Amino acid sequence: MRTSRTAIRNLIDIVGSAINAAGAVEGNHNPKGRDLRRLGIDPVEFAKIRRI
């Protein structure tokens, strides 16, 4: 039971981070490093990306 709760909680955290990061990018802001790391994205490398 604990394993399934943990998996569901992790999934909710990942989806939340994706929503937060997408919202920040849409609003022309830098996403929080915590959200990027949770998604497997290096915040330093992400900051190097430039929009055209």
PDB file of N, CA and C in Angstrom:
ATOM      1  N   MET A   1       0.828  -1.190   0.000  1.00  0.00           N
ATOM      2  CA  MET A   1       0.000   0.000   0.000  1.00  0.00           C
ATOM      3  C   MET A   1       0.873   1.255   0.000  1.00  0.00           C
ATOM      4  N   ARG A   2       1.918   1.259   0.800  1.00  0.00           N
ATOM      5  CA  ARG A   2       2.789   2.428   0.889  1.00  0.00           C
ATOM      6  C   ARG A   2       3.475   2.703  -0.453  1.00  0.00           C
ATOM      7  N   THR A   3       3.849   1.667  -1.177  1.00  0.00           N
ATOM      8  CA  THR A   3       4.519   1.826  -2.453  1.00  0.00           C
ATOM      9  C   THR A   3       3.608   2.494  -3.468  1.00  0.00           C
ATOM     10  N   SER A   4       2.347   2.109  -3.514  1.00  0.00           N
ATOM     11  CA  SER A   4       1.431   2.713  -4.472  1.00  0.00           C
ATOM     12  C   SER A   4       1.156   4.173  -4.113  1.00  0.00           C
ATOM     13  N   ARG A   5       1.062   4.487  -2.829  1.00  0.00           N
ATOM     14  CA  ARG A   5       0.876   5.880  -2.412  1.00  0.00           C
ATOM     15  C   ARG A   5       2.083   6.722  -2.791  1.00  0.00           C
ATOM     16  N   THR A   6       3.260   6.172  -2.608  1.00  0.00           N
ATOM     17  CA  THR A   6       4.484   6.880  -2.954  1.00  0.00           C
ATOM     18  C   THR A   6       4.545   7.131  -4.454  1.00  0.00           C
ATOM     19  N   ALA A   7       4.187   6.145  -5.238  1.00  0.00           N
ATOM     20  CA  ALA A   7       4.202   6.290  -6.697  1.00  0.00           C
ATOM     21  C   ALA A   7       3.208   7.354  -7.150  1.00  0.00           C
ATOM     22  N   ILE A   8       2.035   7.351  -6.563  1.00  0.00           N
ATOM     23  CA  ILE A   8       1.024   8.349  -6.917  1.00  0.00           C
ATOM     24  C   ILE A   8       1.498   9.735  -6.514  1.00  0.00           C
ATOM     25  N   ARG A   9       2.070   9.850  -5.343  1.00  0.00           N
ATOM     26  CA  ARG A   9       2.587  11.143  -4.875  1.00  0.00           C
ATOM     27  C   ARG A   9       3.695  11.654  -5.793  1.00  0.00           C
ATOM     28  N   ASN A  10       4.597  10.766  -6.205  1.00  0.00           N
ATOM     29  CA  ASN A  10       5.669  11.151  -7.120  1.00  0.00           C
ATOM     30  C   ASN A  10       5.109  11.622  -8.457  1.00  0.00           C
ATOM     31  N   LEU A  11       4.111  10.933  -8.959  1.00  0.00           N
ATOM     32  CA  LEU A  11       3.483  11.318 -10.215  1.00  0.00           C
ATOM     33  C   LEU A  11       2.850  12.706 -10.100  1.00  0.00           C
ATOM     34  N   ILE A  12       2.161  12.951  -9.017  1.00  0.00           N
ATOM     35  CA  ILE A  12       1.536  14.263  -8.800  1.00  0.00           C
ATOM     36  C   ILE A  12       2.600  15.348  -8.707  1.00  0.00           C
ATOM     37  N   ASP A  13       3.711  15.064  -8.029  1.00  0.00           N
ATOM     38  CA  ASP A  13       4.807  16.033  -7.929  1.00  0.00           C
ATOM     39  C   ASP A  13       5.399  16.348  -9.297  1.00  0.00           C
ATOM     40  N   ILE A  14       5.590  15.330 -10.117  1.00  0.00           N
ATOM     41  CA  ILE A  14       6.162  15.525 -11.449  1.00  0.00           C
ATOM     42  C   ILE A  14       5.214  16.339 -12.326  1.00  0.00           C
ATOM     43  N   VAL A  15       3.951  16.007 -12.308  1.00  0.00           N
ATOM     44  CA  VAL A  15       2.971  16.755 -13.105  1.00  0.00           C
ATOM     45  C   VAL A  15       2.905  18.209 -12.621  1.00  0.00           C
ATOM     46  N   GLY A  16       2.938  18.407 -11.326  1.00  0.00           N
ATOM     47  CA  GLY A  16       2.932  19.763 -10.778  1.00  0.00           C
ATOM     48  C   GLY A  16       4.145  20.560 -11.218  1.00  0.00           C
ATOM     49  N   SER A  17       5.307  19.925 -11.216  1.00  0.00           N
ATOM     50  CA  SER A  17       6.521  20.601 -11.672  1.00  0.00           C
ATOM     51  C   SER A  17       6.440  20.940 -13.155  1.00  0.00           C
ATOM     52  N   ALA A  18       5.880  20.048 -13.940  1.00  0.00           N
ATOM     53  CA  ALA A  18       5.727  20.309 -15.373  1.00  0.00           C
ATOM     54  C   ALA A  18       4.791  21.497 -15.603  1.00  0.00           C
ATOM     55  N   ILE A  19       3.716  21.555 -14.855  1.00  0.00           N
ATOM     56  CA  ILE A  19       2.770  22.671 -14.974  1.00  0.00           C
ATOM     57  C   ILE A  19       3.440  23.973 -14.545  1.00  0.00           C
ATOM     58  N   ASN A  20       4.167  23.942 -13.442  1.00  0.00           N
ATOM     59  CA  ASN A  20       4.857  25.143 -12.964  1.00  0.00           C
ATOM     60  C   ASN A  20       5.898  25.626 -13.969  1.00  0.00           C
ATOM     61  N   ALA A  21       6.690  24.710 -14.498  1.00  0.00           N
ATOM     62  CA  ALA A  21       7.736  25.088 -15.455  1.00  0.00           C
ATOM     63  C   ALA A  21       7.118  25.636 -16.738  1.00  0.00           C
ATOM     64  N   ALA A  22       6.080  24.984 -17.227  1.00  0.00           N
ATOM     65  CA  ALA A  22       5.429  25.454 -18.453  1.00  0.00           C
ATOM     66  C   ALA A  22       4.814  26.837 -18.246  1.00  0.00           C
ATOM     67  N   GLY A  23       4.215  27.059 -17.101  1.00  0.00           N
ATOM     68  CA  GLY A  23       3.628  28.363 -16.802  1.00  0.00           C
ATOM     69  C   GLY A  23       4.683  29.456 -16.726  1.00  0.00           C
ATOM     70  N   ALA A  24       5.824  29.141 -16.131  1.00  0.00           N
ATOM     71  CA  ALA A  24       6.903  30.115 -16.035  1.00  0.00           C
ATOM     72  C   ALA A  24       7.421  30.475 -17.423  1.00  0.00           C
ATOM     73  N   VAL A  25       7.638  29.471 -18.257  1.00  0.00           N
ATOM     74  CA  VAL A  25       8.123  29.725 -19.615  1.00  0.00           C
ATOM     75  C   VAL A  25       7.095  30.525 -20.406  1.00  0.00           C
ATOM     76  N   GLU A  26       5.853  30.162 -20.278  1.00  0.00           N
ATOM     77  CA  GLU A  26       4.783  30.883 -20.980  1.00  0.00           C
ATOM     78  C   GLU A  26       4.734  32.347 -20.536  1.00  0.00           C
ATOM     79  N   GLY A  27       5.019  32.605 -19.276  1.00  0.00           N
ATOM     80  CA  GLY A  27       5.012  33.967 -18.746  1.00  0.00           C
ATOM     81  C   GLY A  27       6.356  34.671 -18.887  1.00  0.00           C
ATOM     82  N   ASN A  28       7.256  34.101 -19.699  1.00  0.00           N
ATOM     83  CA  ASN A  28       8.589  34.675 -19.933  1.00  0.00           C
ATOM     84  C   ASN A  28       9.412  34.812 -18.650  1.00  0.00           C
ATOM     85  N   HIS A  29       9.293  33.831 -17.773  1.00  0.00           N
ATOM     86  CA  HIS A  29      10.081  33.771 -16.543  1.00  0.00           C
ATOM     87  C   HIS A  29      10.901  32.487 -16.550  1.00  0.00           C
ATOM     88  N   ASN A  30      11.921  32.465 -15.729  1.00  0.00           N
ATOM     89  CA  ASN A  30      12.700  31.244 -15.572  1.00  0.00           C
ATOM     90  C   ASN A  30      11.989  30.328 -14.585  1.00  0.00           C
ATOM     91  N   PRO A  31      11.835  29.061 -14.942  1.00  0.00           N
ATOM     92  CA  PRO A  31      11.239  28.107 -13.996  1.00  0.00           C
ATOM     93  C   PRO A  31      12.162  27.923 -12.794  1.00  0.00           C
ATOM     94  N   LYS A  32      11.597  27.516 -11.687  1.00  0.00           N
ATOM     95  CA  LYS A  32      12.385  27.233 -10.492  1.00  0.00           C
ATOM     96  C   LYS A  32      13.282  26.025 -10.753  1.00  0.00           C
ATOM     97  N   GLY A  33      14.497  26.106 -10.227  1.00  0.00           N
ATOM     98  CA  GLY A  33      15.453  25.016 -10.386  1.00  0.00           C
ATOM     99  C   GLY A  33      14.922  23.702  -9.840  1.00  0.00           C
ATOM    100  N   ARG A  34      14.185  23.783  -8.740  1.00  0.00           N
ATOM    101  CA  ARG A  34      13.609  22.571  -8.129  1.00  0.00           C
ATOM    102  C   ARG A  34      12.683  21.859  -9.110  1.00  0.00           C
ATOM    103  N   ASP A  35      11.858  22.636  -9.807  1.00  0.00           N
ATOM    104  CA  ASP A  35      10.941  22.029 -10.769  1.00  0.00           C
ATOM    105  C   ASP A  35      11.701  21.420 -11.946  1.00  0.00           C
ATOM    106  N   LEU A  36      12.696  22.132 -12.437  1.00  0.00           N
ATOM    107  CA  LEU A  36      13.479  21.600 -13.557  1.00  0.00           C
ATOM    108  C   LEU A  36      14.216  20.319 -13.169  1.00  0.00           C
ATOM    109  N   ARG A  37      14.834  20.325 -11.998  1.00  0.00           N
ATOM    110  CA  ARG A  37      15.555  19.113 -11.551  1.00  0.00           C
ATOM    111  C   ARG A  37      14.608  17.932 -11.393  1.00  0.00           C
ATOM    112  N   ARG A  38      13.411  18.177 -10.881  1.00  0.00           N
ATOM    113  CA  ARG A  38      12.430  17.099 -10.720  1.00  0.00           C
ATOM    114  C   ARG A  38      12.054  16.505 -12.080  1.00  0.00           C
ATOM    115  N   LEU A  39      12.122  17.341 -13.122  1.00  0.00           N
ATOM    116  CA  LEU A  39      11.798  16.876 -14.478  1.00  0.00           C
ATOM    117  C   LEU A  39      13.014  16.303 -15.200  1.00  0.00           C
ATOM    118  N   GLY A  40      14.166  16.300 -14.532  1.00  0.00           N
ATOM    119  CA  GLY A  40      15.376  15.751 -15.136  1.00  0.00           C
ATOM    120  C   GLY A  40      16.091  16.735 -16.043  1.00  0.00           C
ATOM    121  N   ILE A  41      15.859  18.029 -15.831  1.00  0.00           N
ATOM    122  CA  ILE A  41      16.466  19.072 -16.654  1.00  0.00           C
ATOM    123  C   ILE A  41      17.470  19.835 -15.797  1.00  0.00           C
ATOM    124  N   ASP A  42      18.672  20.018 -16.329  1.00  0.00           N
ATOM    125  CA  ASP A  42      19.700  20.775 -15.625  1.00  0.00           C
ATOM    126  C   ASP A  42      19.364  22.270 -15.720  1.00  0.00           C
ATOM    127  N   PRO A  43      19.130  22.948 -14.583  1.00  0.00           N
ATOM    128  CA  PRO A  43      18.762  24.360 -14.611  1.00  0.00           C
ATOM    129  C   PRO A  43      19.807  25.253 -15.287  1.00  0.00           C
ATOM    130  N   VAL A  44      21.084  24.940 -15.142  1.00  0.00           N
ATOM    131  CA  VAL A  44      22.146  25.744 -15.768  1.00  0.00           C
ATOM    132  C   VAL A  44      22.054  25.630 -17.283  1.00  0.00           C
ATOM    133  N   GLU A  45      21.863  24.426 -17.779  1.00  0.00           N
ATOM    134  CA  GLU A  45      21.743  24.234 -19.226  1.00  0.00           C
ATOM    135  C   GLU A  45      20.450  24.842 -19.758  1.00  0.00           C
ATOM    136  N   PHE A  46      19.388  24.754 -18.981  1.00  0.00           N
ATOM    137  CA  PHE A  46      18.113  25.337 -19.399  1.00  0.00           C
ATOM    138  C   PHE A  46      18.242  26.845 -19.562  1.00  0.00           C
ATOM    139  N   ALA A  47      19.001  27.486 -18.674  1.00  0.00           N
ATOM    140  CA  ALA A  47      19.181  28.940 -18.732  1.00  0.00           C
ATOM    141  C   ALA A  47      19.918  29.372 -19.998  1.00  0.00           C
ATOM    142  N   LYS A  48      20.648  28.466 -20.628  1.00  0.00           N
ATOM    143  CA  LYS A  48      21.379  28.790 -21.856  1.00  0.00           C
ATOM    144  C   LYS A  48      20.483  28.827 -23.084  1.00  0.00           C
ATOM    145  N   ILE A  49      19.280  28.314 -22.968  1.00  0.00           N
ATOM    146  CA  ILE A  49      18.357  28.280 -24.102  1.00  0.00           C
ATOM    147  C   ILE A  49      17.816  29.680 -24.335  1.00  0.00           C
ATOM    148  N   ARG A  50      17.844  30.103 -25.587  1.00  0.00           N
ATOM    149  CA  ARG A  50      17.333  31.416 -25.953  1.00  0.00           C
ATOM    150  C   ARG A  50      16.136  31.236 -26.879  1.00  0.00           C
ATOM    151  N   ARG A  51      15.121  32.046 -26.658  1.00  0.00           N
ATOM    152  CA  ARG A  51      13.946  32.004 -27.538  1.00  0.00           C
ATOM    153  C   ARG A  51      14.213  32.851 -28.762  1.00  0.00           C
ATOM    154  N   ILE A  52      13.659  32.437 -29.864  1.00  0.00           N
ATOM    155  CA  ILE A  52      13.818  33.189 -31.119  1.00  0.00           C
ATOM    156  C   ILE A  52      12.656  34.136 -31.290  1.00  0.00           C
TER     157      ILE A  52
END
